[in-house]
Amino acid sequence: MKKYLLLIVSAFLITLAFFPWTASLPVFLFLVPAAVVALEEKSWKRRLLSGFIWGALIFFFNFYWTVVPIHYYGRMSYPVSVLLFFPLMVYQMLPFTIWFVLFPPLFRKNVFLPVLLFPFLTASLPLIFPYSISSTLSLMPMLAQSAPWWGEWGLDALIVLVNVLFFVSWQRRSRRHVVFACGVIMLMFVHGLVVLNLRPAAQKKGISTISVVVVQPCVRDGDSELVKERQFFTSIRKIREISTGKLVVIPESALPDGIAGRTDFMDVMGEIRRSLDASALLFNGTVFKSGLLTNSEFLLRKDGTVSRYDKQNLMLFGERFPFYSLFRRIPIYAAGFANFSPGPKTGPLKDNLLVIATPICLECIYPGYVATLAKSANLIINPTDDEWFGATRATRLHFAQVRLKAVENRRYLIRATNTGYTVVVNERGQVVEDLPEGKPRHLEVNVPLLSESTLFQRVHHWIPWVGALLFCSLFFWRRKQEDE
């Protein structure tokens, strides 16, 4: 009974860390109860079972809502959505389960081995949904200011290091390790304070800025086509007085089917841009060409030319169904599933000085991919539609992960959503402007175009391998010492 209670406490602590009023701090303790259980288990089989339960608890506490988007966005029946929830759960919790199983032998060999293992697992097994332990730190940007050096993987290692130090202090009744753990946290705070207070604000650097209008029209999936069009065009009319010469951003899924499905779709969007007298129009749509369906982002410029970006990282069971050609023959609701494909690899969208990285929706959770896109861009815009998350806290989980990308890449980030949470984040991860969720609104903001190249953007491909090399070196060095 004690074992299960400790696993529940651990899963609850990581869940609690995502709430703003906890200031991210529970994330520095959540591994301690799990580590206690892992050391008490005598065999790897028992640890595997306990690790499976631990990972399932973490997944369930934070991802119970995945059934809803699989049902609505993936067009699955609820029974099928519930069944698909379980393979997602197994995959999502693999980094936690493997770490749990390997923790005792690695900890006994060297306390730093479990620290290096966790970020390597998360890099090797990329998460499907917007969830990483380091994304909790975005709720308190002071703790995340080293992200431009080593990204989320480095922050993960720091978090696990603090957890291990607290665990050692509990195990050995050592106050010294508590001091070390608190010292790491304080160093993160001090570094964050220095960056936030001494780093000059982007607006004071004399760099170029762009005026942006973001529309949050709240075009809901369950509404009739007439209601959708009325809601969309009402939102467009409200920004006509302020849109002249500005970039207008229309979020994912905000265009009614009656517009997006027209053969002269691009001509209609051109008319909308001209009616707004906007410098450019950024909007989302689906493209069916050569037998492939893509989720695409378009930048329509004032001269009528168009650039296109196709989503590369598709949501499993929401946009992409494995073995689709086989399952479509089975008489289940999945036969009506719209199976998307990743389009041709494309980079940022450009308009004169403006270069926009546009990772679409959950695509923005992948740190390495976003860093590659943002390296040659001067602005990140994340178009998304969180309506299909339902009435859950998932939209805030998603935002926590996206927010960290602004810090990692030292870019302003605009999260443009159909129903909310629409928000502008500066290069330090601080919220500049936002809109209330679930209400038709628009947001007008001047955004600096930053082009600073961060260390993480340059070396992110190598960080997991450097961690793996350090792990192997430490592992074999310790074994050699023991042999002697």
Protein backbone atom coordinates (compact mmCIF):
# COMPACT_ATOMS: atom_id res chain seq x y z
CA MET A 1 0.00 0.00 0.00
CA LYS A 2 2.87 2.36 0.85
CA LYS A 3 4.42 1.72 -2.57
CA TYR A 4 1.29 2.74 -4.45
CA LEU A 5 0.80 5.77 -2.25
CA LEU A 6 4.33 6.98 -3.02
CA LEU A 7 3.78 6.48 -6.77
CA ILE A 8 0.55 8.46 -6.58
CA VAL A 9 2.33 11.26 -4.67
CA SER A 10 5.05 11.37 -7.34
CA ALA A 11 2.52 11.59 -10.19
CA PHE A 12 0.55 14.21 -8.27
CA LEU A 13 3.65 16.38 -7.71
CA ILE A 14 4.53 16.55 -11.42
CA THR A 15 0.90 17.39 -12.17
CA LEU A 16 0.89 20.06 -9.47
CA ALA A 17 4.03 21.65 -10.97
CA PHE A 18 2.02 22.75 -14.03
CA PHE A 19 -0.28 24.98 -11.97
CA PRO A 20 0.82 28.66 -11.89
CA TRP A 21 0.31 29.04 -8.15
CA THR A 22 2.90 26.32 -7.37
CA ALA A 23 5.67 28.31 -9.13
CA SER A 24 7.00 25.12 -10.79
CA LEU A 25 8.70 24.04 -7.54
CA PRO A 26 7.06 20.58 -7.10
CA VAL A 27 8.97 19.41 -10.18
CA PHE A 28 12.16 19.42 -8.07
CA LEU A 29 10.66 16.78 -5.75
CA PHE A 30 8.47 14.54 -7.89
CA LEU A 31 11.15 11.86 -8.54
CA VAL A 32 11.98 11.37 -4.86
CA PRO A 33 8.95 9.18 -3.91
CA ALA A 34 9.38 7.14 -7.12
CA ALA A 35 13.10 6.63 -6.40
CA VAL A 36 12.25 5.32 -2.92
CA VAL A 37 9.97 2.69 -4.46
CA ALA A 38 12.47 1.78 -7.18
CA LEU A 39 15.23 1.04 -4.64
CA GLU A 40 12.92 -1.09 -2.52
CA GLU A 41 11.94 -3.35 -5.44
CA LYS A 42 14.25 -6.38 -5.47
CA SER A 43 13.89 -7.56 -9.08
CA TRP A 44 13.76 -5.78 -12.42
CA LYS A 45 10.41 -7.45 -13.18
CA ARG A 46 8.82 -5.90 -10.11
CA ARG A 47 10.39 -2.55 -11.00
CA LEU A 48 9.01 -2.86 -14.52
CA LEU A 49 5.51 -3.39 -13.16
CA SER A 50 5.83 -0.54 -10.66
CA GLY A 51 7.37 1.69 -13.33
CA PHE A 52 4.48 0.90 -15.64
CA ILE A 53 2.00 1.87 -12.92
CA TRP A 54 3.95 5.06 -12.18
CA GLY A 55 4.06 6.09 -15.83
CA ALA A 56 0.37 5.25 -16.25
CA LEU A 57 -0.51 7.46 -13.27
CA ILE A 58 1.51 10.38 -14.71
CA PHE A 59 -0.12 9.93 -18.09
CA PHE A 60 -3.63 9.58 -16.70
CA PHE A 61 -3.39 12.61 -14.41
CA ASN A 62 -2.24 14.80 -17.30
CA PHE A 63 -3.60 13.22 -20.48
CA TYR A 64 -7.09 11.92 -19.68
CA TRP A 65 -8.31 14.49 -22.22
CA THR A 66 -6.63 12.74 -25.18
CA VAL A 67 -9.75 10.67 -25.73
CA VAL A 68 -11.64 13.86 -26.67
CA PRO A 69 -9.33 15.02 -29.52
CA ILE A 70 -9.02 11.48 -30.86
CA HIS A 71 -12.82 11.39 -31.02
CA TYR A 72 -13.41 14.84 -32.53
CA TYR A 73 -10.27 15.58 -34.52
CA GLY A 74 -9.51 11.99 -35.50
CA ARG A 75 -13.20 11.26 -36.17
CA MET A 76 -13.12 8.10 -34.07
CA SER A 77 -16.03 6.71 -32.10
CA TYR A 78 -15.63 6.99 -28.33
CA PRO A 79 -15.04 3.22 -27.84
CA VAL A 80 -12.26 3.31 -30.46
CA SER A 81 -10.84 6.52 -28.94
CA VAL A 82 -10.65 4.86 -25.51
CA LEU A 83 -8.89 1.82 -27.00
CA LEU A 84 -6.36 4.03 -28.80
CA PHE A 85 -5.70 5.86 -25.53
CA PHE A 86 -3.80 2.84 -24.18
CA PRO A 87 -1.08 2.46 -26.86
CA LEU A 88 -0.54 6.21 -26.60
CA MET A 89 -0.20 5.85 -22.85
CA VAL A 90 2.34 3.02 -23.18
CA TYR A 91 4.51 5.00 -25.59
CA GLN A 92 4.23 8.29 -23.72
CA MET A 93 5.31 6.83 -20.41
CA LEU A 94 8.31 4.86 -21.77
CA PRO A 95 10.94 7.43 -20.64
CA PHE A 96 9.54 7.35 -17.10
CA THR A 97 9.20 3.55 -16.96
CA ILE A 98 12.69 2.85 -18.35
CA TRP A 99 14.25 5.40 -15.99
CA PHE A 100 12.43 3.77 -13.06
CA VAL A 101 13.68 0.28 -13.98
CA LEU A 102 17.30 1.36 -14.47
CA PHE A 103 17.50 3.77 -11.54
CA PRO A 104 18.70 1.38 -8.76
CA PRO A 105 21.73 -0.18 -10.55
CA LEU A 106 22.78 3.15 -12.05
CA PHE A 107 22.31 5.02 -8.76
CA ARG A 108 24.43 2.49 -6.88
CA LYS A 109 27.21 2.82 -9.46
CA ASN A 110 27.19 6.62 -9.67
CA VAL A 111 24.52 9.12 -8.67
CA PHE A 112 25.06 11.14 -11.86
CA LEU A 113 24.16 8.26 -14.19
CA PRO A 114 20.37 8.57 -13.62
CA VAL A 115 20.73 12.32 -14.18
CA LEU A 116 22.23 11.79 -17.64
CA LEU A 117 19.83 8.97 -18.50
CA PHE A 118 16.56 10.88 -18.31
CA PRO A 119 17.21 13.60 -20.94
CA PHE A 120 18.70 10.96 -23.26
CA LEU A 121 15.48 8.93 -22.99
CA THR A 122 13.27 11.94 -23.71
CA ALA A 123 15.44 12.85 -26.71
CA SER A 124 15.42 9.29 -28.04
CA LEU A 125 11.69 8.80 -27.47
CA PRO A 126 10.11 12.12 -28.48
CA LEU A 127 6.86 12.78 -26.69
CA ILE A 128 3.62 12.80 -28.65
CA PHE A 129 1.86 15.39 -26.56
CA PRO A 130 2.95 18.73 -25.06
CA TYR A 131 4.62 17.41 -21.96
CA SER A 132 8.13 17.49 -20.57
CA ILE A 133 9.26 18.04 -17.03
CA SER A 134 11.28 21.11 -18.05
CA SER A 135 8.20 22.79 -19.53
CA THR A 136 6.97 23.34 -15.97
CA LEU A 137 9.78 25.90 -15.59
CA SER A 138 8.21 28.15 -18.22
CA LEU A 139 5.58 29.05 -15.63
CA MET A 140 8.39 30.83 -13.77
CA PRO A 141 10.65 32.17 -16.54
CA MET A 142 13.45 32.98 -14.06
CA LEU A 143 14.13 29.24 -13.78
CA ALA A 144 14.29 28.67 -17.54
CA GLN A 145 16.81 31.28 -18.68
CA SER A 146 19.58 28.75 -19.33
CA ALA A 147 17.41 27.10 -22.02
CA PRO A 148 19.24 28.98 -24.86
CA TRP A 149 22.38 27.04 -23.87
CA TRP A 150 21.15 23.45 -23.72
CA GLY A 151 17.39 23.54 -24.29
CA GLU A 152 14.85 21.36 -22.55
CA TRP A 153 17.23 18.40 -22.37
CA GLY A 154 19.67 20.37 -20.24
CA LEU A 155 16.86 21.68 -18.05
CA ASP A 156 15.60 18.11 -17.65
CA ALA A 157 19.07 17.08 -16.42
CA LEU A 158 19.15 19.94 -13.89
CA ILE A 159 15.71 18.99 -12.59
CA VAL A 160 16.67 15.31 -12.23
CA LEU A 161 19.95 16.34 -10.55
CA VAL A 162 18.06 18.31 -7.89
CA ASN A 163 15.65 15.39 -7.37
CA VAL A 164 18.53 12.93 -6.97
CA LEU A 165 20.29 15.22 -4.51
CA PHE A 166 17.14 15.49 -2.42
CA PHE A 167 16.77 11.71 -2.55
CA VAL A 168 20.38 11.17 -1.42
CA SER A 169 19.83 13.60 1.46
CA TRP A 170 16.77 11.61 2.53
CA GLN A 171 18.51 8.25 2.14
CA ARG A 172 21.69 9.23 3.98
CA ARG A 173 20.10 11.79 6.28
CA SER A 174 22.61 14.26 4.85
CA ARG A 175 22.03 17.99 5.15
CA ARG A 176 24.92 18.62 2.79
CA HIS A 177 23.00 17.25 -0.19
CA VAL A 178 19.98 19.39 0.69
CA VAL A 179 22.29 22.42 0.56
CA PHE A 180 23.62 21.29 -2.82
CA ALA A 181 20.08 20.81 -4.18
CA CYS A 182 18.90 24.17 -2.92
CA GLY A 183 22.10 25.71 -4.27
CA VAL A 184 21.32 24.49 -7.80
CA ILE A 185 17.83 25.96 -7.59
CA MET A 186 19.20 29.25 -6.25
CA LEU A 187 21.78 29.42 -9.05
CA MET A 188 18.95 28.99 -11.57
CA PHE A 189 17.03 31.80 -9.84
CA VAL A 190 20.05 34.11 -9.71
CA HIS A 191 20.93 33.51 -13.35
CA GLY A 192 17.32 34.17 -14.31
CA LEU A 193 17.23 37.40 -12.33
CA VAL A 194 20.42 38.58 -13.99
CA VAL A 195 19.12 37.82 -17.48
CA LEU A 196 15.68 39.32 -16.87
CA ASN A 197 16.99 42.50 -15.28
CA LEU A 198 20.30 43.20 -17.02
CA ARG A 199 19.59 41.91 -20.52
CA PRO A 200 18.35 44.93 -22.50
CA ALA A 201 14.73 44.78 -23.61
CA ALA A 202 14.33 43.94 -27.30
CA GLN A 203 12.43 47.15 -27.97
CA LYS A 204 15.42 49.24 -26.84
CA LYS A 205 17.93 47.66 -29.19
CA GLY A 206 16.95 49.74 -32.20
CA ILE A 207 15.96 46.66 -34.17
CA SER A 208 13.12 46.35 -36.66
CA THR A 209 9.58 45.72 -35.47
CA ILE A 210 6.40 44.61 -37.19
CA SER A 211 2.78 45.39 -36.36
CA VAL A 212 0.65 42.27 -36.04
CA VAL A 213 -3.08 41.72 -35.62
CA VAL A 214 -4.08 38.26 -34.38
CA VAL A 215 -7.70 37.21 -34.79
CA GLN A 216 -9.35 34.84 -32.29
CA PRO A 217 -12.70 34.23 -34.03
CA CYS A 218 -13.94 31.22 -32.01
CA VAL A 219 -15.27 29.33 -35.04
CA ARG A 220 -16.49 26.17 -33.32
CA ASP A 221 -16.48 22.75 -34.92
CA GLY A 222 -20.02 21.84 -33.88
CA ASP A 223 -21.65 24.99 -35.28
CA SER A 224 -23.52 25.10 -38.57
CA GLU A 225 -21.74 26.43 -41.65
CA LEU A 226 -23.86 29.58 -41.55
CA VAL A 227 -22.90 30.29 -37.93
CA LYS A 228 -19.23 29.63 -38.69
CA GLU A 229 -19.17 32.07 -41.60
CA ARG A 230 -21.01 34.74 -39.62
CA GLN A 231 -18.60 34.35 -36.69
CA PHE A 232 -15.55 34.48 -38.96
CA PHE A 233 -16.57 37.51 -41.03
CA THR A 234 -17.74 39.38 -37.92
CA SER A 235 -14.22 38.99 -36.51
CA ILE A 236 -12.69 40.15 -39.82
CA ARG A 237 -14.90 43.26 -39.97
CA LYS A 238 -13.91 44.24 -36.43
CA ILE A 239 -10.23 44.56 -37.35
CA ARG A 240 -10.62 46.56 -40.58
CA GLU A 241 -9.96 49.88 -38.88
CA ILE A 242 -6.64 48.71 -37.39
CA SER A 243 -5.31 46.24 -39.98
CA THR A 244 -3.91 48.65 -42.57
CA GLY A 245 -0.28 47.84 -43.34
CA LYS A 246 -0.08 45.10 -40.70
CA LEU A 247 0.42 41.36 -40.70
CA VAL A 248 -2.95 39.71 -40.01
CA VAL A 249 -2.82 36.21 -38.48
CA ILE A 250 -5.78 33.83 -38.78
CA PRO A 251 -5.40 30.72 -36.56
CA GLU A 252 -5.67 27.05 -37.45
CA SER A 253 -9.22 25.77 -38.10
CA ALA A 254 -10.62 29.32 -38.05
CA LEU A 255 -11.65 29.31 -41.72
CA PRO A 256 -15.18 27.92 -42.30
CA ASP A 257 -15.44 24.94 -44.65
CA GLY A 258 -17.43 27.07 -47.06
CA ILE A 259 -14.28 29.14 -47.63
CA ALA A 260 -11.52 26.57 -47.18
CA GLY A 261 -13.23 24.08 -49.50
CA ARG A 262 -13.71 26.41 -52.46
CA THR A 263 -11.79 25.86 -55.69
CA ASP A 264 -10.97 29.59 -55.74
CA PHE A 265 -9.90 29.48 -52.09
CA MET A 266 -6.75 31.54 -52.62
CA ASP A 267 -8.65 34.22 -54.56
CA VAL A 268 -11.10 34.55 -51.66
CA MET A 269 -8.21 34.96 -49.20
CA GLY A 270 -6.73 37.57 -51.53
CA GLU A 271 -9.99 39.53 -51.36
CA ILE A 272 -9.95 39.32 -47.57
CA ARG A 273 -6.39 40.65 -47.48
CA ARG A 274 -7.28 43.54 -49.80
CA SER A 275 -10.37 44.40 -47.75
CA LEU A 276 -8.15 44.64 -44.67
CA ASP A 277 -5.38 46.48 -46.56
CA ALA A 278 -2.97 44.21 -44.66
CA SER A 279 0.72 43.98 -45.55
CA ALA A 280 0.36 40.18 -45.49
CA LEU A 281 -2.12 37.50 -44.41
CA LEU A 282 -1.02 34.38 -42.53
CA PHE A 283 -3.65 31.61 -42.48
CA ASN A 284 -4.08 27.85 -42.29
CA GLY A 285 -5.74 25.41 -44.66
CA THR A 286 -5.70 21.82 -45.89
CA VAL A 287 -4.33 20.90 -49.32
CA PHE A 288 -5.20 17.75 -51.25
CA LYS A 289 -2.81 17.22 -54.13
CA SER A 290 -1.35 14.14 -55.84
CA GLY A 291 -3.24 11.91 -53.41
CA LEU A 292 -1.74 13.58 -50.32
CA LEU A 293 -3.59 15.60 -47.70
CA THR A 294 -1.47 18.19 -45.88
CA ASN A 295 -2.03 20.61 -43.01
CA SER A 296 -0.55 23.79 -44.46
CA GLU A 297 0.22 27.36 -43.46
CA PHE A 298 0.12 30.13 -46.09
CA LEU A 299 1.67 33.59 -46.17
CA LEU A 300 -0.19 35.73 -48.72
CA ARG A 301 1.78 38.89 -49.46
CA LYS A 302 0.60 42.27 -50.68
CA ASP A 303 1.88 41.62 -54.21
CA GLY A 304 -0.29 38.48 -54.41
CA THR A 305 2.53 35.94 -54.09
CA VAL A 306 2.12 33.04 -51.67
CA SER A 307 4.54 30.98 -49.58
CA ARG A 308 3.48 27.69 -48.03
CA TYR A 309 4.67 25.59 -45.10
CA ASP A 310 3.43 22.00 -44.61
CA LYS A 311 3.20 20.41 -41.20
CA GLN A 312 5.87 17.73 -40.75
CA ASN A 313 5.17 16.28 -37.29
CA LEU A 314 1.63 14.94 -37.34
CA MET A 315 -0.45 14.05 -34.29
CA LEU A 316 -0.82 10.29 -33.93
CA PHE A 317 -4.47 9.17 -34.21
CA GLY A 318 -5.48 12.80 -34.68
CA GLU A 319 -3.89 13.54 -38.06
CA ARG A 320 -2.03 10.33 -38.83
CA PHE A 321 -3.33 6.79 -38.46
CA PRO A 322 -0.73 3.97 -38.67
CA PHE A 323 -1.62 1.27 -41.21
CA TYR A 324 -4.40 3.48 -42.49
CA SER A 325 -4.91 1.50 -45.71
CA LEU A 326 -5.55 -1.62 -43.62
CA PHE A 327 -7.78 -0.11 -40.95
CA ARG A 328 -9.95 1.76 -43.41
CA ARG A 329 -11.28 -1.63 -44.55
CA ILE A 330 -12.49 -2.43 -41.04
CA PRO A 331 -16.12 -1.37 -40.40
CA ILE A 332 -15.35 1.06 -37.59
CA TYR A 333 -15.67 4.79 -37.40
CA ALA A 334 -11.96 5.11 -38.17
CA ALA A 335 -12.81 4.46 -41.82
CA GLY A 336 -13.87 8.11 -42.05
CA PHE A 337 -10.55 9.32 -40.68
CA ALA A 338 -8.78 12.05 -42.66
CA ASN A 339 -5.22 10.73 -42.88
CA PHE A 340 -2.73 13.57 -43.35
CA SER A 341 0.75 13.28 -44.79
CA PRO A 342 3.85 15.38 -44.07
CA GLY A 343 4.41 17.70 -46.99
CA PRO A 344 7.70 18.54 -48.70
CA LYS A 345 10.22 19.92 -46.23
CA THR A 346 10.05 23.70 -46.24
CA GLY A 347 11.58 26.42 -44.11
CA PRO A 348 10.30 29.69 -42.68
CA LEU A 349 7.88 31.94 -44.59
CA LYS A 350 9.38 35.23 -45.79
CA ASP A 351 8.10 38.72 -46.59
CA ASN A 352 10.90 41.29 -46.99
CA LEU A 353 12.55 41.62 -43.57
CA LEU A 354 9.97 39.36 -41.92
CA VAL A 355 10.96 35.67 -41.65
CA ILE A 356 8.42 33.55 -39.78
CA ALA A 357 8.85 30.05 -38.37
CA THR A 358 5.35 28.52 -38.27
CA PRO A 359 5.34 25.19 -36.41
CA ILE A 360 1.68 24.18 -36.53
CA CYS A 361 -0.19 23.28 -33.32
CA LEU A 362 1.45 20.38 -31.41
CA GLU A 363 4.40 20.51 -33.79
CA CYS A 364 5.73 23.26 -31.52
CA ILE A 365 6.47 20.74 -28.74
CA TYR A 366 9.57 19.40 -30.51
CA PRO A 367 12.55 21.49 -29.31
CA GLY A 368 15.07 20.41 -31.93
CA TYR A 369 12.65 20.85 -34.81
CA VAL A 370 11.55 24.31 -33.70
CA ALA A 371 15.19 25.34 -33.19
CA THR A 372 15.98 24.31 -36.77
CA LEU A 373 13.04 26.36 -38.11
CA ALA A 374 13.69 29.36 -35.87
CA LYS A 375 17.43 29.60 -36.52
CA SER A 376 16.91 31.43 -39.81
CA ALA A 377 13.69 33.17 -38.70
CA ASN A 378 13.13 36.34 -36.68
CA LEU A 379 9.66 35.51 -35.35
CA ILE A 380 7.85 32.34 -34.28
CA ILE A 381 4.10 32.07 -34.85
CA ASN A 382 2.36 28.94 -33.58
CA PRO A 383 -1.09 28.64 -35.24
CA THR A 384 -3.25 26.20 -33.35
CA ASP A 385 -6.79 25.17 -32.48
CA ASP A 386 -7.16 23.93 -28.93
CA GLU A 387 -10.95 23.63 -29.13
CA TRP A 388 -10.65 19.88 -29.57
CA PHE A 389 -8.89 19.61 -26.19
CA GLY A 390 -12.34 20.11 -24.69
CA ALA A 391 -12.99 21.72 -21.32
CA THR A 392 -9.67 20.55 -19.84
CA ARG A 393 -6.39 22.06 -18.68
CA ALA A 394 -4.72 20.69 -21.81
CA THR A 395 -4.53 24.11 -23.45
CA ARG A 396 -2.36 25.35 -20.56
CA LEU A 397 -0.14 22.26 -20.78
CA HIS A 398 0.29 23.01 -24.47
CA PHE A 399 1.11 26.65 -23.76
CA ALA A 400 3.71 25.71 -21.12
CA GLN A 401 5.64 23.72 -23.71
CA VAL A 402 5.26 26.34 -26.45
CA ARG A 403 6.30 29.16 -24.13
CA LEU A 404 9.66 27.52 -23.52
CA LYS A 405 10.44 27.73 -27.26
CA ALA A 406 10.56 31.51 -27.04
CA VAL A 407 13.31 31.27 -24.40
CA GLU A 408 15.26 28.50 -26.16
CA ASN A 409 15.39 30.44 -29.41
CA ARG A 410 15.41 34.03 -28.04
CA ARG A 411 12.54 34.95 -30.33
CA TYR A 412 9.19 36.59 -29.80
CA LEU A 413 6.51 33.94 -30.09
CA ILE A 414 2.87 34.47 -31.03
CA ARG A 415 0.50 31.66 -30.16
CA ALA A 416 -2.46 32.29 -32.46
CA THR A 417 -5.46 30.16 -31.52
CA ASN A 418 -9.02 29.82 -32.77
CA THR A 419 -10.69 29.67 -29.34
CA GLY A 420 -7.80 30.51 -26.97
CA TYR A 421 -5.34 30.73 -25.34
CA THR A 422 -3.99 33.42 -27.74
CA VAL A 423 -0.86 35.01 -26.32
CA VAL A 424 2.33 36.90 -27.22
CA VAL A 425 5.50 35.85 -25.38
CA ASN A 426 8.78 37.78 -25.47
CA GLU A 427 12.22 36.25 -25.92
CA ARG A 428 12.52 35.75 -22.15
CA GLY A 429 9.32 33.72 -21.86
CA GLN A 430 7.26 36.54 -20.32
CA VAL A 431 3.68 37.13 -21.44
CA VAL A 432 3.38 40.47 -23.27
CA GLU A 433 -0.24 40.37 -24.44
CA ASP A 434 -3.00 37.78 -24.23
CA LEU A 435 -6.71 37.22 -24.85
CA PRO A 436 -9.32 35.50 -22.68
CA GLU A 437 -10.21 31.98 -23.76
CA GLY A 438 -13.48 31.15 -25.47
CA LYS A 439 -14.36 34.73 -26.49
CA PRO A 440 -14.11 36.29 -29.97
CA ARG A 441 -11.41 38.95 -29.71
CA HIS A 442 -8.42 40.33 -31.58
CA LEU A 443 -4.96 41.25 -30.39
CA GLU A 444 -2.86 44.11 -31.77
CA VAL A 445 0.85 44.18 -30.93
CA ASN A 446 4.20 45.48 -32.17
CA VAL A 447 6.71 42.64 -32.28
CA PRO A 448 10.52 43.03 -32.47
CA LEU A 449 12.16 40.89 -35.14
CA LEU A 450 15.03 39.15 -33.33
CA SER A 451 17.71 37.21 -35.18
CA GLU A 452 20.16 36.34 -32.40
CA SER A 453 21.48 32.80 -32.82
CA THR A 454 21.45 30.79 -29.58
CA LEU A 455 23.88 28.06 -28.62
CA PHE A 456 21.00 25.58 -28.50
CA GLN A 457 20.07 26.34 -32.12
CA ARG A 458 23.63 25.61 -33.19
CA VAL A 459 24.31 22.43 -31.20
CA HIS A 460 20.91 20.86 -30.44
CA HIS A 461 21.63 17.94 -32.80
CA TRP A 462 24.63 17.00 -30.68
CA ILE A 463 23.27 17.48 -27.15
CA PRO A 464 21.71 13.98 -26.78
CA TRP A 465 24.86 12.35 -28.13
CA VAL A 466 27.12 14.37 -25.86
CA GLY A 467 24.93 13.28 -22.96
CA ALA A 468 25.17 9.67 -24.12
CA LEU A 469 28.97 9.94 -24.40
CA LEU A 470 29.24 11.36 -20.88
CA PHE A 471 26.95 8.61 -19.63
CA CYS A 472 29.07 5.85 -21.20
CA SER A 473 32.33 7.42 -20.05
CA LEU A 474 31.10 7.73 -16.48
CA PHE A 475 29.61 4.24 -16.53
CA PHE A 476 32.77 2.48 -17.71
CA TRP A 477 35.07 4.69 -15.63
CA ARG A 478 33.25 3.67 -12.51
CA ARG A 479 33.38 0.00 -13.43
CA LYS A 480 37.11 0.20 -14.05
CA GLN A 481 37.67 1.78 -10.65
CA GLU A 482 35.62 -0.95 -8.99
CA ASP A 483 37.62 -3.67 -10.78
CA GLU A 484 40.84 -2.26 -9.46
